[in-house]
Amino acid sequence: MKTPNRDLLVLVKDECSDKKEIENELEQLNQLLFHCETLENFCLAHEVFDMNRYKILHQPAVIQKLINQKEVKPFVFISNKN
């Protein structure tokens, strides 16, 4: 598995944690994020407000198609459902 290039800020409570433990923790975090950050999960957690047609789009296939476009029409917003 290719490790993504990302910056993580990890706060450690114990000062006596050795470097191997921290590296192991970071590797586990990277694996967890790699499996969770998929396009399917992104599409499930977001919706699109199309103010040109006055519609809210929830379908993952439509959201995925919109994300893959080079240019998006004005007044089309991607919003997190949270």
N, C-alpha and C. Protein backbone atom coordinates (compact mmCIF):
# COMPACT_ATOMS: atom_id res chain seq x y z
N MET A 1 0.85 -1.18 0.00
CA MET A 1 0.00 0.00 0.00
C MET A 1 0.89 1.24 0.00
N LYS A 2 0.56 2.17 -0.87
CA LYS A 2 1.33 3.41 -0.95
C LYS A 2 0.86 4.36 0.16
N THR A 3 1.79 4.86 0.92
CA THR A 3 1.47 5.79 1.99
C THR A 3 1.27 7.18 1.40
N PRO A 4 0.10 7.78 1.63
CA PRO A 4 -0.14 9.11 1.09
C PRO A 4 0.75 10.15 1.76
N ASN A 5 1.06 11.18 1.01
CA ASN A 5 1.88 12.25 1.54
C ASN A 5 0.95 13.23 2.26
N ARG A 6 0.96 13.19 3.57
CA ARG A 6 0.08 14.06 4.34
C ARG A 6 0.80 14.54 5.59
N ASP A 7 0.32 15.62 6.13
CA ASP A 7 0.85 16.15 7.38
C ASP A 7 -0.15 15.83 8.48
N LEU A 8 0.32 15.17 9.49
CA LEU A 8 -0.52 14.84 10.64
C LEU A 8 0.06 15.48 11.89
N LEU A 9 -0.80 16.06 12.68
CA LEU A 9 -0.39 16.59 13.97
C LEU A 9 -0.94 15.63 15.02
N VAL A 10 -0.04 14.94 15.71
CA VAL A 10 -0.44 13.96 16.71
C VAL A 10 0.06 14.44 18.06
N LEU A 11 -0.86 14.60 18.98
CA LEU A 11 -0.51 15.01 20.32
C LEU A 11 -0.36 13.78 21.19
N VAL A 12 0.80 13.64 21.83
CA VAL A 12 1.09 12.48 22.65
C VAL A 12 1.06 12.88 24.11
N LYS A 13 0.33 12.12 24.90
CA LYS A 13 0.20 12.44 26.31
C LYS A 13 1.43 11.99 27.11
N ASP A 14 1.98 10.85 26.76
CA ASP A 14 3.13 10.31 27.48
C ASP A 14 4.43 10.82 26.88
N GLU A 15 5.28 11.37 27.72
CA GLU A 15 6.58 11.84 27.26
C GLU A 15 7.54 10.68 27.01
N CYS A 16 7.33 9.56 27.68
CA CYS A 16 8.27 8.46 27.59
C CYS A 16 7.97 7.50 26.43
N SER A 17 7.07 7.86 25.53
CA SER A 17 6.81 7.02 24.35
C SER A 17 8.05 7.04 23.47
N ASP A 18 8.47 5.86 23.07
CA ASP A 18 9.66 5.83 22.23
C ASP A 18 9.28 6.04 20.76
N LYS A 19 10.28 6.22 19.94
CA LYS A 19 10.07 6.60 18.55
C LYS A 19 9.37 5.49 17.76
N LYS A 20 9.64 4.22 18.10
CA LYS A 20 9.00 3.11 17.40
C LYS A 20 7.49 3.09 17.65
N GLU A 21 7.10 3.37 18.88
CA GLU A 21 5.68 3.42 19.21
C GLU A 21 4.97 4.53 18.44
N ILE A 22 5.60 5.67 18.36
CA ILE A 22 5.02 6.81 17.63
C ILE A 22 4.92 6.49 16.14
N GLU A 23 5.95 5.89 15.57
CA GLU A 23 5.92 5.50 14.16
C GLU A 23 4.82 4.48 13.90
N ASN A 24 4.66 3.54 14.81
CA ASN A 24 3.61 2.53 14.68
C ASN A 24 2.24 3.19 14.73
N GLU A 25 2.07 4.13 15.63
CA GLU A 25 0.80 4.86 15.75
C GLU A 25 0.49 5.64 14.47
N LEU A 26 1.50 6.30 13.92
CA LEU A 26 1.29 7.06 12.68
C LEU A 26 0.95 6.13 11.51
N GLU A 27 1.59 4.98 11.44
CA GLU A 27 1.28 4.03 10.38
C GLU A 27 -0.15 3.53 10.48
N GLN A 28 -0.60 3.27 11.70
CA GLN A 28 -1.99 2.84 11.90
C GLN A 28 -2.98 3.94 11.53
N LEU A 29 -2.66 5.17 11.86
CA LEU A 29 -3.51 6.30 11.47
C LEU A 29 -3.58 6.45 9.96
N ASN A 30 -2.45 6.31 9.28
CA ASN A 30 -2.43 6.40 7.83
C ASN A 30 -3.26 5.29 7.19
N GLN A 31 -3.17 4.07 7.73
CA GLN A 31 -3.96 2.97 7.19
C GLN A 31 -5.44 3.20 7.40
N LEU A 32 -5.81 3.69 8.57
CA LEU A 32 -7.20 3.98 8.86
C LEU A 32 -7.75 5.05 7.92
N LEU A 33 -7.00 6.13 7.76
CA LEU A 33 -7.45 7.22 6.88
C LEU A 33 -7.48 6.79 5.42
N PHE A 34 -6.54 5.93 5.01
CA PHE A 34 -6.50 5.46 3.63
C PHE A 34 -7.79 4.70 3.28
N HIS A 35 -8.29 3.90 4.22
CA HIS A 35 -9.49 3.12 3.96
C HIS A 35 -10.77 3.94 4.14
N CYS A 36 -10.71 5.01 4.90
CA CYS A 36 -11.91 5.82 5.16
C CYS A 36 -12.11 6.94 4.15
N GLU A 37 -11.01 7.45 3.60
CA GLU A 37 -11.10 8.60 2.70
C GLU A 37 -11.26 8.13 1.26
N THR A 38 -12.42 7.58 0.95
CA THR A 38 -12.70 7.14 -0.41
C THR A 38 -13.71 8.09 -1.04
N LEU A 39 -13.80 8.03 -2.35
CA LEU A 39 -14.74 8.89 -3.06
C LEU A 39 -16.18 8.51 -2.71
N GLU A 40 -16.44 7.22 -2.49
CA GLU A 40 -17.78 6.78 -2.10
C GLU A 40 -18.20 7.39 -0.77
N ASN A 41 -17.30 7.35 0.20
CA ASN A 41 -17.61 7.94 1.51
C ASN A 41 -17.76 9.45 1.42
N PHE A 42 -16.96 10.10 0.58
CA PHE A 42 -17.08 11.54 0.37
C PHE A 42 -18.47 11.87 -0.18
N CYS A 43 -18.90 11.09 -1.17
CA CYS A 43 -20.20 11.35 -1.79
C CYS A 43 -21.36 11.09 -0.83
N LEU A 44 -21.18 10.14 0.07
CA LEU A 44 -22.23 9.88 1.06
C LEU A 44 -22.31 10.98 2.11
N ALA A 45 -21.20 11.63 2.40
CA ALA A 45 -21.16 12.65 3.45
C ALA A 45 -21.45 14.05 2.94
N HIS A 46 -21.61 14.23 1.63
CA HIS A 46 -21.84 15.55 1.06
C HIS A 46 -23.09 15.57 0.20
N GLU A 47 -23.59 16.76 -0.03
CA GLU A 47 -24.70 16.97 -0.95
C GLU A 47 -24.41 18.21 -1.78
N VAL A 48 -25.12 18.35 -2.89
CA VAL A 48 -24.87 19.46 -3.81
C VAL A 48 -26.11 20.34 -3.87
N PHE A 49 -25.90 21.63 -3.68
CA PHE A 49 -26.97 22.61 -3.84
C PHE A 49 -26.80 23.25 -5.21
N ASP A 50 -27.73 22.99 -6.10
CA ASP A 50 -27.70 23.59 -7.43
C ASP A 50 -28.71 24.73 -7.45
N MET A 51 -28.21 25.94 -7.28
CA MET A 51 -29.09 27.10 -7.20
C MET A 51 -29.59 27.54 -8.58
N ASN A 52 -28.99 27.04 -9.64
CA ASN A 52 -29.47 27.36 -10.99
C ASN A 52 -30.77 26.63 -11.28
N ARG A 53 -30.90 25.40 -10.77
CA ARG A 53 -32.11 24.61 -10.99
C ARG A 53 -32.95 24.48 -9.72
N TYR A 54 -32.50 25.09 -8.62
CA TYR A 54 -33.19 25.03 -7.34
C TYR A 54 -33.40 23.58 -6.88
N LYS A 55 -32.30 22.82 -6.89
CA LYS A 55 -32.36 21.42 -6.50
C LYS A 55 -31.25 21.09 -5.52
N ILE A 56 -31.52 20.11 -4.69
CA ILE A 56 -30.52 19.54 -3.80
C ILE A 56 -30.27 18.12 -4.28
N LEU A 57 -29.02 17.81 -4.60
CA LEU A 57 -28.68 16.51 -5.16
C LEU A 57 -28.04 15.65 -4.07
N HIS A 58 -28.56 14.42 -3.92
CA HIS A 58 -28.07 13.51 -2.90
C HIS A 58 -27.42 12.25 -3.50
N GLN A 59 -27.69 11.97 -4.77
CA GLN A 59 -27.22 10.72 -5.38
C GLN A 59 -25.70 10.71 -5.50
N PRO A 60 -25.05 9.67 -4.98
CA PRO A 60 -23.59 9.59 -5.05
C PRO A 60 -23.04 9.63 -6.47
N ALA A 61 -23.72 9.02 -7.43
CA ALA A 61 -23.25 9.02 -8.81
C ALA A 61 -23.24 10.42 -9.40
N VAL A 62 -24.26 11.21 -9.08
CA VAL A 62 -24.35 12.59 -9.59
C VAL A 62 -23.28 13.46 -8.92
N ILE A 63 -23.07 13.27 -7.64
CA ILE A 63 -22.04 14.04 -6.92
C ILE A 63 -20.66 13.70 -7.45
N GLN A 64 -20.41 12.41 -7.69
CA GLN A 64 -19.12 11.98 -8.22
C GLN A 64 -18.88 12.56 -9.61
N LYS A 65 -19.91 12.59 -10.44
CA LYS A 65 -19.78 13.17 -11.79
C LYS A 65 -19.48 14.66 -11.70
N LEU A 66 -20.11 15.34 -10.78
CA LEU A 66 -19.89 16.78 -10.60
C LEU A 66 -18.48 17.07 -10.11
N ILE A 67 -17.98 16.25 -9.20
CA ILE A 67 -16.63 16.45 -8.65
C ILE A 67 -15.57 16.25 -9.72
N ASN A 68 -15.82 15.32 -10.64
CA ASN A 68 -14.83 15.00 -11.68
C ASN A 68 -14.80 16.02 -12.82
N GLN A 69 -15.74 16.96 -12.85
CA GLN A 69 -15.74 17.98 -13.90
C GLN A 69 -14.60 18.96 -13.67
N LYS A 70 -14.06 19.47 -14.79
CA LYS A 70 -12.99 20.48 -14.68
C LYS A 70 -13.53 21.79 -14.16
N GLU A 71 -14.63 22.23 -14.72
CA GLU A 71 -15.25 23.48 -14.29
C GLU A 71 -16.69 23.21 -13.90
N VAL A 72 -17.09 23.84 -12.82
CA VAL A 72 -18.46 23.70 -12.32
C VAL A 72 -19.17 25.02 -12.56
N LYS A 73 -20.44 24.94 -12.90
CA LYS A 73 -21.22 26.15 -13.14
C LYS A 73 -21.26 27.02 -11.88
N PRO A 74 -21.42 28.31 -12.06
CA PRO A 74 -21.58 29.18 -10.89
C PRO A 74 -22.85 28.80 -10.10
N PHE A 75 -22.80 29.04 -8.83
CA PHE A 75 -23.92 28.81 -7.92
C PHE A 75 -24.29 27.34 -7.78
N VAL A 76 -23.28 26.49 -7.88
CA VAL A 76 -23.43 25.07 -7.56
C VAL A 76 -22.48 24.81 -6.39
N PHE A 77 -23.03 24.42 -5.26
CA PHE A 77 -22.25 24.32 -4.03
C PHE A 77 -22.23 22.89 -3.52
N ILE A 78 -21.06 22.45 -3.08
CA ILE A 78 -20.92 21.15 -2.42
C ILE A 78 -20.87 21.43 -0.93
N SER A 79 -21.76 20.78 -0.19
CA SER A 79 -21.85 21.04 1.24
C SER A 79 -21.80 19.74 2.02
N ASN A 80 -21.12 19.78 3.17
CA ASN A 80 -21.05 18.62 4.04
C ASN A 80 -22.37 18.50 4.78
N LYS A 81 -22.88 17.30 4.93
CA LYS A 81 -24.15 17.08 5.61
C LYS A 81 -24.07 17.31 7.11
N ASN A 82 -22.87 17.33 7.64
CA ASN A 82 -22.74 17.56 9.09
C ASN A 82 -22.96 19.02 9.35
